[in-house]
């Protein structure tokens, strides 16, 4: 299997510490359908009550995503 990445993705991956081996492993897993386990996790997480979500957040099991992240992105 040949895997390509864009120049932009390559820069991002380097900054994140994502090496080619890890990228290839992830692509192979997706190609083999192993991402199904993530669908099951999503179903489970979406079924949590507000109270359960709050408890998980307080226990640092969940970390809130800042959707205004573009304000923090630099042009470098």
N, C-alpha and C. Protein backbone atom coordinates (compact mmCIF):
# COMPACT_ATOMS: atom_id res chain seq x y z
N UNK A 1 0.85 -1.17 0.00
CA UNK A 1 0.00 0.00 0.00
C UNK A 1 0.89 1.23 0.00
N UNK A 2 0.59 2.17 -0.87
CA UNK A 2 1.32 3.43 -0.91
C UNK A 2 0.52 4.46 -0.15
N UNK A 3 1.18 5.18 0.72
CA UNK A 3 0.54 6.21 1.54
C UNK A 3 1.21 7.53 1.23
N UNK A 4 0.41 8.55 0.96
CA UNK A 4 0.92 9.90 0.70
C UNK A 4 0.44 10.83 1.80
N UNK A 5 1.21 11.87 2.04
CA UNK A 5 0.78 12.92 2.95
C UNK A 5 1.11 14.27 2.34
N UNK A 6 0.32 15.26 2.66
CA UNK A 6 0.55 16.59 2.11
C UNK A 6 1.70 17.26 2.86
N UNK A 7 2.25 18.27 2.27
CA UNK A 7 3.33 19.02 2.91
C UNK A 7 2.83 19.63 4.23
N UNK A 8 1.60 20.16 4.20
CA UNK A 8 1.02 20.74 5.40
C UNK A 8 0.91 19.69 6.50
N UNK A 9 0.37 18.52 6.15
CA UNK A 9 0.22 17.46 7.13
C UNK A 9 1.58 17.02 7.66
N UNK A 10 2.57 16.95 6.79
CA UNK A 10 3.91 16.54 7.20
C UNK A 10 4.48 17.49 8.26
N UNK A 11 4.30 18.81 8.05
CA UNK A 11 4.77 19.78 9.05
C UNK A 11 4.02 19.61 10.36
N UNK A 12 2.70 19.46 10.26
CA UNK A 12 1.89 19.28 11.46
C UNK A 12 2.31 18.01 12.21
N UNK A 13 2.48 16.92 11.48
CA UNK A 13 2.84 15.64 12.08
C UNK A 13 4.19 15.73 12.80
N UNK A 14 5.14 16.40 12.19
CA UNK A 14 6.46 16.56 12.83
C UNK A 14 6.33 17.32 14.14
N UNK A 15 5.55 18.41 14.14
CA UNK A 15 5.37 19.19 15.36
C UNK A 15 4.68 18.37 16.45
N UNK A 16 3.80 17.45 16.04
CA UNK A 16 3.07 16.62 16.99
C UNK A 16 3.85 15.38 17.42
N UNK A 17 4.98 15.13 16.78
CA UNK A 17 5.77 13.95 17.10
C UNK A 17 5.22 12.68 16.48
N UNK A 18 4.42 12.83 15.43
CA UNK A 18 3.83 11.69 14.73
C UNK A 18 4.82 11.22 13.66
N UNK A 19 5.41 10.06 13.89
CA UNK A 19 6.39 9.56 12.93
C UNK A 19 5.72 8.72 11.85
N UNK A 20 6.47 8.40 10.79
CA UNK A 20 5.92 7.64 9.67
C UNK A 20 5.44 6.26 10.09
N UNK A 21 6.13 5.63 11.02
CA UNK A 21 5.72 4.30 11.48
C UNK A 21 4.32 4.36 12.09
N UNK A 22 4.09 5.35 12.96
CA UNK A 22 2.78 5.49 13.60
C UNK A 22 1.70 5.81 12.58
N UNK A 23 2.04 6.66 11.62
CA UNK A 23 1.08 7.00 10.57
C UNK A 23 0.71 5.77 9.76
N UNK A 24 1.71 5.00 9.36
CA UNK A 24 1.45 3.79 8.57
C UNK A 24 0.62 2.79 9.37
N UNK A 25 0.90 2.66 10.65
CA UNK A 25 0.13 1.76 11.50
C UNK A 25 -1.33 2.19 11.55
N UNK A 26 -1.57 3.48 11.72
CA UNK A 26 -2.94 3.99 11.78
C UNK A 26 -3.66 3.76 10.46
N UNK A 27 -2.99 4.00 9.34
CA UNK A 27 -3.62 3.81 8.03
C UNK A 27 -3.95 2.34 7.82
N UNK A 28 -3.03 1.45 8.19
CA UNK A 28 -3.29 0.01 8.05
C UNK A 28 -4.50 -0.41 8.90
N UNK A 29 -4.57 0.10 10.12
CA UNK A 29 -5.70 -0.23 10.99
C UNK A 29 -7.01 0.25 10.39
N UNK A 30 -7.02 1.45 9.84
CA UNK A 30 -8.24 1.95 9.21
C UNK A 30 -8.60 1.10 8.00
N UNK A 31 -7.61 0.72 7.21
CA UNK A 31 -7.86 -0.10 6.03
C UNK A 31 -8.41 -1.47 6.42
N UNK A 32 -8.00 -1.98 7.57
CA UNK A 32 -8.45 -3.29 8.03
C UNK A 32 -9.76 -3.21 8.81
N UNK A 33 -10.30 -1.99 8.95
CA UNK A 33 -11.58 -1.83 9.64
C UNK A 33 -11.48 -1.78 11.14
N UNK A 34 -10.27 -1.61 11.68
CA UNK A 34 -10.10 -1.62 13.13
C UNK A 34 -10.62 -0.36 13.81
N UNK A 35 -11.03 0.62 13.00
CA UNK A 35 -11.58 1.83 13.58
C UNK A 35 -13.01 1.62 14.08
N UNK A 36 -13.57 0.39 13.83
CA UNK A 36 -14.92 0.08 14.31
C UNK A 36 -15.01 0.22 15.82
N UNK A 37 -13.80 -0.18 16.52
CA UNK A 37 -13.80 -0.05 18.00
C UNK A 37 -14.09 1.37 18.42
N UNK A 38 -13.64 2.46 17.54
CA UNK A 38 -13.89 3.86 17.86
C UNK A 38 -15.37 4.20 17.72
N UNK A 39 -16.05 3.57 16.76
CA UNK A 39 -17.49 3.80 16.61
C UNK A 39 -18.22 3.32 17.85
N UNK A 40 -17.82 2.18 18.37
CA UNK A 40 -18.46 1.65 19.59
C UNK A 40 -18.22 2.57 20.77
N UNK A 41 -17.01 3.11 20.86
CA UNK A 41 -16.69 4.03 21.94
C UNK A 41 -17.54 5.29 21.82
N UNK A 42 -17.70 5.80 20.61
CA UNK A 42 -18.51 7.00 20.40
C UNK A 42 -19.96 6.76 20.83
N UNK A 43 -20.50 5.61 20.49
CA UNK A 43 -21.87 5.28 20.90
C UNK A 43 -21.99 5.28 22.42
N UNK A 44 -21.00 4.68 23.08
CA UNK A 44 -21.02 4.63 24.54
C UNK A 44 -20.92 6.02 25.15
N UNK A 45 -20.01 6.83 24.62
CA UNK A 45 -19.82 8.17 25.17
C UNK A 45 -21.05 9.05 24.94
N UNK A 46 -21.68 8.92 23.79
CA UNK A 46 -22.86 9.73 23.49
C UNK A 46 -24.07 9.32 24.34
N UNK A 47 -24.02 8.16 24.94
CA UNK A 47 -25.14 7.71 25.77
C UNK A 47 -25.00 8.15 27.23
N UNK A 48 -23.89 8.77 27.60
CA UNK A 48 -23.69 9.20 28.98
C UNK A 48 -24.63 10.33 29.35
N UNK A 49 -25.08 10.34 30.59
CA UNK A 49 -25.93 11.42 31.09
C UNK A 49 -25.09 12.65 31.39
N UNK A 50 -25.75 13.78 31.57
CA UNK A 50 -25.05 15.02 31.94
C UNK A 50 -24.27 14.85 33.22
N UNK A 51 -24.88 14.14 34.16
CA UNK A 51 -24.22 13.92 35.46
C UNK A 51 -22.97 13.07 35.30
N UNK A 52 -23.07 12.03 34.50
CA UNK A 52 -21.91 11.15 34.27
C UNK A 52 -20.79 11.91 33.56
N UNK A 53 -21.17 12.76 32.61
CA UNK A 53 -20.17 13.58 31.91
C UNK A 53 -19.46 14.53 32.87
N UNK A 54 -20.22 15.14 33.77
CA UNK A 54 -19.64 16.07 34.73
C UNK A 54 -18.68 15.36 35.68
N UNK A 55 -19.07 14.19 36.14
CA UNK A 55 -18.18 13.40 37.02
C UNK A 55 -16.89 13.04 36.29
N UNK A 56 -17.00 12.61 35.05
CA UNK A 56 -15.82 12.26 34.27
C UNK A 56 -14.93 13.47 34.05
N UNK A 57 -15.55 14.64 33.82
CA UNK A 57 -14.77 15.87 33.63
C UNK A 57 -14.03 16.23 34.91
N UNK A 58 -14.72 16.14 36.04
CA UNK A 58 -14.09 16.46 37.33
C UNK A 58 -12.95 15.50 37.66
N UNK A 59 -13.08 14.26 37.20
CA UNK A 59 -12.03 13.26 37.44
C UNK A 59 -10.92 13.32 36.38
N UNK A 60 -10.99 14.33 35.53
CA UNK A 60 -10.02 14.51 34.43
C UNK A 60 -10.00 13.34 33.45
N UNK A 61 -11.13 12.64 33.34
CA UNK A 61 -11.25 11.58 32.34
C UNK A 61 -11.56 12.20 30.98
N UNK A 62 -12.22 13.36 31.01
CA UNK A 62 -12.54 14.09 29.79
C UNK A 62 -11.87 15.45 29.86
N UNK A 63 -11.34 15.89 28.75
CA UNK A 63 -10.70 17.19 28.66
C UNK A 63 -11.47 18.00 27.63
N UNK A 64 -11.93 19.17 28.02
CA UNK A 64 -12.74 19.99 27.13
C UNK A 64 -11.90 20.51 25.97
N UNK A 65 -12.46 20.48 24.78
CA UNK A 65 -11.79 20.97 23.58
C UNK A 65 -12.18 22.42 23.38
N UNK A 66 -11.18 23.29 23.16
CA UNK A 66 -11.42 24.70 22.90
C UNK A 66 -11.71 24.87 21.43
N UNK A 67 -12.97 25.09 21.09
CA UNK A 67 -13.37 25.24 19.69
C UNK A 67 -12.95 26.57 19.09
N UNK A 68 -12.42 27.46 19.89
CA UNK A 68 -11.91 28.74 19.39
C UNK A 68 -10.40 28.65 19.19
N UNK A 69 -9.90 27.46 18.94
CA UNK A 69 -8.46 27.22 18.85
C UNK A 69 -7.81 28.03 17.75
N UNK A 70 -8.56 28.40 16.71
CA UNK A 70 -7.94 29.15 15.63
C UNK A 70 -7.38 30.46 16.13
N UNK A 71 -7.90 30.96 17.23
CA UNK A 71 -7.35 32.18 17.83
C UNK A 71 -5.95 31.95 18.36
N UNK A 72 -5.62 30.69 18.69
CA UNK A 72 -4.31 30.35 19.26
C UNK A 72 -3.31 29.89 18.22
N UNK A 73 -3.73 29.69 17.00
CA UNK A 73 -2.83 29.19 15.97
C UNK A 73 -1.97 30.32 15.43
N UNK A 74 -0.67 30.09 15.39
CA UNK A 74 0.22 31.11 14.85
C UNK A 74 0.44 30.86 13.37
N UNK A 75 0.95 31.83 12.67
CA UNK A 75 1.20 31.73 11.24
C UNK A 75 2.54 31.06 10.92
N UNK A 76 3.26 30.64 11.92
CA UNK A 76 4.58 30.04 11.68
C UNK A 76 4.50 28.63 11.20
